[in-house]
Amino acid sequence: MGEIRIRRDERSRVTGFSVRGVDSGTPAGTSAQHLLRAVTTSLVDYLHMTVESDATELLINRNDLHLDRELDAMLETLVIGLKLLAEEYPSDLVVEEATVGVEV
């Protein structure tokens, strides 16, 4: 089973995604990989951002406050799409969220 972990900051903004064990041979895996690639391409081509990305991680630099709304719209749409895939294919994909950088 594949797992996608959504990373959020202390303000609940998406800052990255970790991908583990997603099988591109399954409909869920293929779709998840396409969604992640589409958003990465949009961030680079449309918003002209530098994105750190490989097969297992996508990290988003949230330093440009002028892009908050655009980033939130794109990234929250991706989160919703990934969660819908996980609901449709529960035996193939799990989507979890984690807040990073918050001490309790």
Protein backbone atom coordinates (compact mmCIF):
# COMPACT_ATOMS: atom_id res chain seq x y z
CA MET A 1 0.00 0.00 0.00
CA GLY A 2 1.24 3.47 -0.89
CA GLU A 3 1.33 6.38 1.49
CA ILE A 4 1.34 10.10 0.84
CA ARG A 5 2.04 12.35 3.80
CA ILE A 6 1.03 15.98 3.54
CA ARG A 7 3.25 18.35 5.49
CA ARG A 8 1.74 21.50 6.96
CA ASP A 9 3.30 24.37 8.85
CA GLU A 10 2.07 25.94 12.08
CA ARG A 11 -0.45 28.01 10.07
CA SER A 12 -1.81 24.83 8.46
CA ARG A 13 -0.37 25.74 5.06
CA VAL A 14 0.86 22.87 2.89
CA THR A 15 4.66 22.87 2.72
CA GLY A 16 5.36 19.51 1.15
CA PHE A 17 4.46 15.95 0.32
CA SER A 18 6.27 12.68 1.03
CA VAL A 19 5.51 9.69 -1.15
CA ARG A 20 6.26 6.12 -0.02
CA GLY A 21 5.46 2.85 -1.73
CA VAL A 22 3.05 4.26 -4.32
CA ASP A 23 2.71 1.64 -7.07
CA SER A 24 2.51 3.22 -10.51
CA GLY A 25 0.96 -0.04 -11.73
CA THR A 26 -2.29 0.68 -9.89
CA PRO A 27 -4.93 3.24 -10.89
CA ALA A 28 -4.48 5.04 -7.55
CA GLY A 29 -0.70 5.16 -7.89
CA THR A 30 -0.74 6.36 -11.48
CA SER A 31 -3.33 9.03 -10.71
CA ALA A 32 -1.49 10.24 -7.61
CA GLN A 33 1.76 10.54 -9.51
CA HIS A 34 0.04 12.48 -12.31
CA LEU A 35 -1.59 14.86 -9.82
CA LEU A 36 1.72 15.50 -8.06
CA ARG A 37 3.51 16.06 -11.37
CA ALA A 38 0.78 18.41 -12.62
CA VAL A 39 1.01 20.61 -9.53
CA THR A 40 4.81 20.60 -9.62
CA THR A 41 4.76 21.67 -13.26
CA SER A 42 2.19 24.40 -12.53
CA LEU A 43 4.24 25.76 -9.64
CA VAL A 44 7.31 25.99 -11.85
CA ASP A 45 5.73 27.09 -15.15
CA TYR A 46 2.85 29.26 -13.90
CA LEU A 47 4.13 30.71 -10.61
CA HIS A 48 7.84 30.58 -11.62
CA MET A 49 8.78 28.96 -8.32
CA THR A 50 11.78 26.83 -7.55
CA VAL A 51 10.48 23.48 -6.33
CA GLU A 52 12.49 20.70 -4.75
CA SER A 53 11.09 17.46 -6.06
CA ASP A 54 12.04 13.87 -6.71
CA ALA A 55 10.21 10.55 -6.75
CA THR A 56 9.68 10.57 -2.98
CA GLU A 57 9.32 14.23 -1.95
CA LEU A 58 7.91 17.54 -3.06
CA LEU A 59 8.96 20.54 -0.95
CA ILE A 60 7.37 23.96 -1.41
CA ASN A 61 9.11 27.20 -0.46
CA ARG A 62 6.46 29.39 1.20
CA ASN A 63 8.69 32.49 1.59
CA ASP A 64 6.91 34.64 -1.02
CA LEU A 65 3.85 35.93 0.84
CA HIS A 66 2.45 37.41 -2.38
CA LEU A 67 1.83 33.87 -3.65
CA ASP A 68 -0.03 32.56 -0.58
CA ARG A 69 -3.49 32.54 -2.17
CA GLU A 70 -2.32 30.94 -5.41
CA LEU A 71 -0.25 28.35 -3.55
CA ASP A 72 -3.10 27.55 -1.18
CA ALA A 73 -5.53 27.10 -4.08
CA MET A 74 -3.24 24.77 -6.01
CA LEU A 75 -2.02 22.76 -3.04
CA GLU A 76 -5.40 22.35 -1.33
CA THR A 77 -6.86 21.18 -4.65
CA LEU A 78 -4.08 18.59 -4.81
CA VAL A 79 -4.82 17.50 -1.22
CA ILE A 80 -8.52 17.06 -2.02
CA GLY A 81 -7.68 15.07 -5.17
CA LEU A 82 -5.31 12.78 -3.29
CA LYS A 83 -7.85 12.21 -0.50
CA LEU A 84 -10.54 11.36 -3.06
CA LEU A 85 -8.17 8.80 -4.62
CA ALA A 86 -7.50 7.29 -1.19
CA GLU A 87 -11.25 7.00 -0.57
CA GLU A 88 -11.77 5.34 -3.96
CA TYR A 89 -8.81 2.94 -3.56
CA PRO A 90 -8.40 2.37 0.20
CA SER A 91 -6.36 -0.80 -0.26
CA ASP A 92 -3.86 0.98 -2.56
CA LEU A 93 -3.37 4.44 -1.07
CA VAL A 94 -3.35 6.19 2.31
CA VAL A 95 -3.15 9.96 2.65
CA GLU A 96 -2.11 11.40 6.02
CA GLU A 97 -1.36 14.88 7.28
CA ALA A 98 1.36 16.02 9.66
CA THR A 99 2.20 19.42 11.10
CA VAL A 100 5.94 19.98 11.14
CA GLY A 101 7.91 22.40 13.26
CA VAL A 102 5.36 22.61 16.07
CA GLU A 103 6.57 21.77 19.55
CA VAL A 104 4.15 20.67 22.23
